[in-house]
Amino acid sequence: MCKKEIIAHDPPTMKSLILGIALFLAAAAASAQAPQIEGKTFEGKPFQLSTLRGKVVLVMFWSTECAVCRDKMRELRENYQGWAGKPFEMVLVSTDRRMKDVEDYEAIINRTVPVKQRFPQLWAGDPGYKDGFGKPAQLPASFLIDKNGKIVEKYQGRIPAEAWDKIAELL
């Protein structure tokens, strides 16, 4: 005859419940922390994303090798110009392997795009560049950040038209 072994489980203690709740809250707080970007802009100026608190920010990771990225630039510039005077900023981070590719692209932009349609851009390959976003799985990768510095939307590929409505809501 086969005996069934009964294993008694201790009910969770108040201490273990509190510890579990504390760990859960700490993990939630860590994931809700504001993202960070530090580095130099293409113009050589120091940049920290945290200085844009109080503004709605759209951060886009892109590459000159990405056809979709290049295709979206005109729309981004026009929308950027349309939000002039509002608490909005757009920040682009180039993930190009070589700074020369970025410089060649920027030379064209400097000759063809009005200054009022230009926004801060950084190169992820710069030795002083740091970010808390990690390497994007797909380009373009965009993140919409509210005035408190929290990511509220993530977009892979083309930025949908609804993103501009969301920016308007956040302003």
C-alpha atoms as a PDB file:
ATOM      1  CA  MET A   1       0.000   0.000   0.000  1.00  0.00           C
ATOM      2  CA  CYS A   2       1.300   3.387  -0.944  1.00  0.00           C
ATOM      3  CA  LYS A   3       1.354   6.078   1.697  1.00  0.00           C
ATOM      4  CA  LYS A   4       0.848   9.677   0.692  1.00  0.00           C
ATOM      5  CA  GLU A   5       3.248  11.990   2.353  1.00  0.00           C
ATOM      6  CA  ILE A   6       1.688  15.129   3.676  1.00  0.00           C
ATOM      7  CA  ILE A   7       3.970  18.088   3.652  1.00  0.00           C
ATOM      8  CA  ALA A   8       3.007  20.883   5.931  1.00  0.00           C
ATOM      9  CA  HIS A   9       3.677  24.374   4.615  1.00  0.00           C
ATOM     10  CA  ASP A  10       4.137  27.142   7.080  1.00  0.00           C
ATOM     11  CA  PRO A  11       1.720  29.958   6.403  1.00  0.00           C
ATOM     12  CA  PRO A  12       3.483  33.161   5.391  1.00  0.00           C
ATOM     13  CA  THR A  13       4.527  35.208   8.336  1.00  0.00           C
ATOM     14  CA  MET A  14       3.852  38.897   8.613  1.00  0.00           C
ATOM     15  CA  LYS A  15       7.598  39.502   8.231  1.00  0.00           C
ATOM     16  CA  SER A  16       7.780  37.578   4.936  1.00  0.00           C
ATOM     17  CA  LEU A  17       4.663  39.350   3.624  1.00  0.00           C
ATOM     18  CA  ILE A  18       6.117  42.761   4.435  1.00  0.00           C
ATOM     19  CA  LEU A  19       9.434  41.791   2.859  1.00  0.00           C
ATOM     20  CA  GLY A  20       7.636  40.612  -0.298  1.00  0.00           C
ATOM     21  CA  ILE A  21       5.642  43.829  -0.553  1.00  0.00           C
ATOM     22  CA  ALA A  22       8.768  45.921  -0.011  1.00  0.00           C
ATOM     23  CA  LEU A  23      10.633  44.053  -2.759  1.00  0.00           C
ATOM     24  CA  PHE A  24       7.698  44.481  -5.135  1.00  0.00           C
ATOM     25  CA  LEU A  25       7.485  48.221  -4.423  1.00  0.00           C
ATOM     26  CA  ALA A  26      11.243  48.656  -4.853  1.00  0.00           C
ATOM     27  CA  ALA A  27      11.130  46.873  -8.225  1.00  0.00           C
ATOM     28  CA  ALA A  28       8.180  49.010  -9.339  1.00  0.00           C
ATOM     29  CA  ALA A  29       9.961  52.202  -8.280  1.00  0.00           C
ATOM     30  CA  ALA A  30      13.139  51.184 -10.108  1.00  0.00           C
ATOM     31  CA  SER A  31      11.236  50.533 -13.324  1.00  0.00           C
ATOM     32  CA  ALA A  32       9.443  53.882 -13.012  1.00  0.00           C
ATOM     33  CA  GLN A  33      12.642  55.885 -12.579  1.00  0.00           C
ATOM     34  CA  ALA A  34      13.239  58.618 -15.071  1.00  0.00           C
ATOM     35  CA  PRO A  35      15.430  57.604 -18.012  1.00  0.00           C
ATOM     36  CA  GLN A  36      18.842  59.214 -18.341  1.00  0.00           C
ATOM     37  CA  ILE A  37      20.883  60.464 -21.271  1.00  0.00           C
ATOM     38  CA  GLU A  38      24.186  62.301 -20.882  1.00  0.00           C
ATOM     39  CA  GLY A  39      26.683  63.359 -23.481  1.00  0.00           C
ATOM     40  CA  LYS A  40      27.553  66.066 -25.949  1.00  0.00           C
ATOM     41  CA  THR A  41      25.343  67.363 -28.714  1.00  0.00           C
ATOM     42  CA  PHE A  42      26.608  67.392 -32.291  1.00  0.00           C
ATOM     43  CA  GLU A  43      27.596  71.005 -31.606  1.00  0.00           C
ATOM     44  CA  GLY A  44      29.781  69.876 -28.676  1.00  0.00           C
ATOM     45  CA  LYS A  45      27.505  71.270 -25.944  1.00  0.00           C
ATOM     46  CA  PRO A  46      27.003  69.213 -22.765  1.00  0.00           C
ATOM     47  CA  PHE A  47      23.584  67.575 -22.551  1.00  0.00           C
ATOM     48  CA  GLN A  48      21.619  65.915 -19.771  1.00  0.00           C
ATOM     49  CA  LEU A  49      18.062  64.708 -20.323  1.00  0.00           C
ATOM     50  CA  SER A  50      17.253  65.538 -16.695  1.00  0.00           C
ATOM     51  CA  THR A  51      17.577  69.272 -17.497  1.00  0.00           C
ATOM     52  CA  LEU A  52      14.416  68.975 -19.598  1.00  0.00           C
ATOM     53  CA  ARG A  53      12.137  68.161 -16.640  1.00  0.00           C
ATOM     54  CA  GLY A  54       9.033  70.288 -16.912  1.00  0.00           C
ATOM     55  CA  LYS A  55       8.867  69.663 -20.647  1.00  0.00           C
ATOM     56  CA  VAL A  56       7.332  66.863 -22.678  1.00  0.00           C
ATOM     57  CA  VAL A  57      10.208  65.144 -24.500  1.00  0.00           C
ATOM     58  CA  LEU A  58      10.281  62.815 -27.475  1.00  0.00           C
ATOM     59  CA  VAL A  59      13.548  60.837 -27.628  1.00  0.00           C
ATOM     60  CA  MET A  60      14.254  58.972 -30.847  1.00  0.00           C
ATOM     61  CA  PHE A  61      17.091  56.524 -31.462  1.00  0.00           C
ATOM     62  CA  TRP A  62      17.970  56.401 -35.148  1.00  0.00           C
ATOM     63  CA  SER A  63      20.722  55.734 -37.702  1.00  0.00           C
ATOM     64  CA  THR A  64      21.658  57.186 -41.070  1.00  0.00           C
ATOM     65  CA  GLU A  65      21.560  53.583 -42.364  1.00  0.00           C
ATOM     66  CA  CYS A  66      17.873  53.292 -41.424  1.00  0.00           C
ATOM     67  CA  ALA A  67      15.645  54.315 -44.355  1.00  0.00           C
ATOM     68  CA  VAL A  68      12.556  54.649 -42.140  1.00  0.00           C
ATOM     69  CA  CYS A  69      14.521  56.895 -39.781  1.00  0.00           C
ATOM     70  CA  ARG A  70      15.683  59.203 -42.567  1.00  0.00           C
ATOM     71  CA  ASP A  71      12.188  59.233 -44.056  1.00  0.00           C
ATOM     72  CA  LYS A  72      10.673  60.437 -40.734  1.00  0.00           C
ATOM     73  CA  MET A  73      13.076  63.362 -40.265  1.00  0.00           C
ATOM     74  CA  ARG A  74      11.059  65.853 -42.295  1.00  0.00           C
ATOM     75  CA  GLU A  75       7.895  65.080 -40.305  1.00  0.00           C
ATOM     76  CA  LEU A  76       9.816  65.353 -37.036  1.00  0.00           C
ATOM     77  CA  ARG A  77      11.259  68.732 -38.011  1.00  0.00           C
ATOM     78  CA  GLU A  78       7.877  70.105 -39.065  1.00  0.00           C
ATOM     79  CA  ASN A  79       6.224  68.950 -35.846  1.00  0.00           C
ATOM     80  CA  TYR A  80       9.123  70.300 -33.803  1.00  0.00           C
ATOM     81  CA  GLN A  81       8.695  73.695 -35.421  1.00  0.00           C
ATOM     82  CA  GLY A  82       4.932  73.508 -34.824  1.00  0.00           C
ATOM     83  CA  TRP A  83       5.479  73.022 -31.065  1.00  0.00           C
ATOM     84  CA  ALA A  84       7.825  76.036 -30.840  1.00  0.00           C
ATOM     85  CA  GLY A  85       7.075  78.095 -27.745  1.00  0.00           C
ATOM     86  CA  LYS A  86       5.511  75.114 -25.946  1.00  0.00           C
ATOM     87  CA  PRO A  87       7.129  73.060 -23.164  1.00  0.00           C
ATOM     88  CA  PHE A  88       8.233  70.411 -25.673  1.00  0.00           C
ATOM     89  CA  GLU A  89      11.634  69.142 -26.769  1.00  0.00           C
ATOM     90  CA  MET A  90      12.761  66.519 -29.213  1.00  0.00           C
ATOM     91  CA  VAL A  91      16.087  64.735 -28.737  1.00  0.00           C
ATOM     92  CA  LEU A  92      17.650  62.411 -31.280  1.00  0.00           C
ATOM     93  CA  VAL A  93      20.358  59.878 -30.533  1.00  0.00           C
ATOM     94  CA  SER A  94      22.311  58.526 -33.487  1.00  0.00           C
ATOM     95  CA  THR A  95      23.316  54.891 -33.166  1.00  0.00           C
ATOM     96  CA  ASP A  96      25.571  55.030 -36.233  1.00  0.00           C
ATOM     97  CA  ARG A  97      28.785  53.037 -35.908  1.00  0.00           C
ATOM     98  CA  ARG A  98      30.928  55.854 -37.303  1.00  0.00           C
ATOM     99  CA  MET A  99      30.719  59.528 -36.412  1.00  0.00           C
ATOM    100  CA  LYS A 100      31.751  60.281 -40.012  1.00  0.00           C
ATOM    101  CA  ASP A 101      28.357  59.007 -41.232  1.00  0.00           C
ATOM    102  CA  VAL A 102      26.586  61.341 -38.826  1.00  0.00           C
ATOM    103  CA  GLU A 103      28.824  64.279 -39.788  1.00  0.00           C
ATOM    104  CA  ASP A 104      28.138  63.729 -43.511  1.00  0.00           C
ATOM    105  CA  TYR A 105      24.397  63.668 -42.850  1.00  0.00           C
ATOM    106  CA  GLU A 106      24.597  66.762 -40.643  1.00  0.00           C
ATOM    107  CA  ALA A 107      26.525  68.656 -43.343  1.00  0.00           C
ATOM    108  CA  ILE A 108      23.531  68.172 -45.640  1.00  0.00           C
ATOM    109  CA  ILE A 109      21.087  69.171 -42.876  1.00  0.00           C
ATOM    110  CA  ASN A 110      23.057  72.324 -42.077  1.00  0.00           C
ATOM    111  CA  ARG A 111      22.749  73.440 -45.698  1.00  0.00           C
ATOM    112  CA  THR A 112      19.093  72.508 -46.232  1.00  0.00           C
ATOM    113  CA  VAL A 113      17.152  72.705 -42.957  1.00  0.00           C
ATOM    114  CA  PRO A 114      16.199  75.983 -41.249  1.00  0.00           C
ATOM    115  CA  VAL A 115      17.687  76.489 -37.778  1.00  0.00           C
ATOM    116  CA  LYS A 116      14.197  76.621 -36.198  1.00  0.00           C
ATOM    117  CA  GLN A 117      13.666  73.005 -37.307  1.00  0.00           C
ATOM    118  CA  ARG A 118      16.797  71.643 -35.623  1.00  0.00           C
ATOM    119  CA  PHE A 119      16.798  69.861 -32.282  1.00  0.00           C
ATOM    120  CA  PRO A 120      19.448  68.452 -29.948  1.00  0.00           C
ATOM    121  CA  GLN A 121      21.188  65.388 -31.313  1.00  0.00           C
ATOM    122  CA  LEU A 122      23.766  63.140 -29.698  1.00  0.00           C
ATOM    123  CA  TRP A 123      25.917  60.265 -30.926  1.00  0.00           C
ATOM    124  CA  ALA A 124      25.722  57.081 -28.856  1.00  0.00           C
ATOM    125  CA  GLY A 125      29.277  56.177 -29.919  1.00  0.00           C
ATOM    126  CA  ASP A 126      30.835  59.189 -28.203  1.00  0.00           C
ATOM    127  CA  PRO A 127      33.087  58.118 -25.291  1.00  0.00           C
ATOM    128  CA  GLY A 128      31.203  60.407 -22.878  1.00  0.00           C
ATOM    129  CA  TYR A 129      27.740  59.235 -23.921  1.00  0.00           C
ATOM    130  CA  LYS A 130      25.620  57.361 -21.344  1.00  0.00           C
ATOM    131  CA  ASP A 131      21.976  56.399 -21.285  1.00  0.00           C
ATOM    132  CA  GLY A 132      19.586  54.272 -19.283  1.00  0.00           C
ATOM    133  CA  PHE A 133      17.538  53.133 -22.276  1.00  0.00           C
ATOM    134  CA  GLY A 134      19.769  50.297 -23.477  1.00  0.00           C
ATOM    135  CA  LYS A 135      20.316  49.289 -27.083  1.00  0.00           C
ATOM    136  CA  PRO A 136      17.079  49.483 -29.088  1.00  0.00           C
ATOM    137  CA  ALA A 137      15.945  46.227 -30.685  1.00  0.00           C
ATOM    138  CA  GLN A 138      14.628  48.061 -33.745  1.00  0.00           C
ATOM    139  CA  LEU A 139      15.132  51.498 -35.293  1.00  0.00           C
ATOM    140  CA  PRO A 140      13.660  53.953 -35.069  1.00  0.00           C
ATOM    141  CA  ALA A 141      12.860  53.535 -31.394  1.00  0.00           C
ATOM    142  CA  SER A 142      11.096  56.446 -29.727  1.00  0.00           C
ATOM    143  CA  PHE A 143      10.140  57.233 -26.167  1.00  0.00           C
ATOM    144  CA  LEU A 144       7.632  59.854 -25.067  1.00  0.00           C
ATOM    145  CA  ILE A 145       8.512  61.335 -21.681  1.00  0.00           C
ATOM    146  CA  ASP A 146       6.106  63.407 -19.602  1.00  0.00           C
ATOM    147  CA  LYS A 147       6.923  66.630 -17.733  1.00  0.00           C
ATOM    148  CA  ASN A 148       7.901  64.610 -14.645  1.00  0.00           C
ATOM    149  CA  GLY A 149      10.555  62.732 -16.600  1.00  0.00           C
ATOM    150  CA  LYS A 150       8.683  59.407 -16.829  1.00  0.00           C
ATOM    151  CA  ILE A 151       8.303  57.350 -19.997  1.00  0.00           C
ATOM    152  CA  VAL A 152       4.609  57.245 -20.914  1.00  0.00           C
ATOM    153  CA  GLU A 153       4.775  55.741 -24.424  1.00  0.00           C
ATOM    154  CA  LYS A 154       7.231  53.632 -26.448  1.00  0.00           C
ATOM    155  CA  TYR A 155       7.173  53.364 -30.220  1.00  0.00           C
ATOM    156  CA  GLN A 156       9.041  50.881 -32.424  1.00  0.00           C
ATOM    157  CA  GLY A 157       9.321  51.804 -36.083  1.00  0.00           C
ATOM    158  CA  ARG A 158       7.383  54.747 -37.450  1.00  0.00           C
ATOM    159  CA  ILE A 159       5.960  57.154 -34.920  1.00  0.00           C
ATOM    160  CA  PRO A 160       2.166  56.847 -35.194  1.00  0.00           C
ATOM    161  CA  ALA A 161       0.034  59.929 -35.801  1.00  0.00           C
ATOM    162  CA  GLU A 162      -1.605  59.394 -32.387  1.00  0.00           C
ATOM    163  CA  ALA A 163       1.759  60.185 -30.766  1.00  0.00           C
ATOM    164  CA  TRP A 164       1.350  63.841 -31.669  1.00  0.00           C
ATOM    165  CA  ASP A 165      -2.115  63.820 -30.071  1.00  0.00           C
ATOM    166  CA  LYS A 166      -0.598  62.302 -26.928  1.00  0.00           C
ATOM    167  CA  ILE A 167       2.029  65.063 -26.863  1.00  0.00           C
ATOM    168  CA  ALA A 168      -0.771  67.642 -27.063  1.00  0.00           C
ATOM    169  CA  GLU A 169      -2.527  65.978 -24.100  1.00  0.00           C
ATOM    170  CA  LEU A 170       0.663  66.013 -22.039  1.00  0.00           C
ATOM    171  CA  LEU A 171       1.380  69.664 -22.735  1.00  0.00           C
END
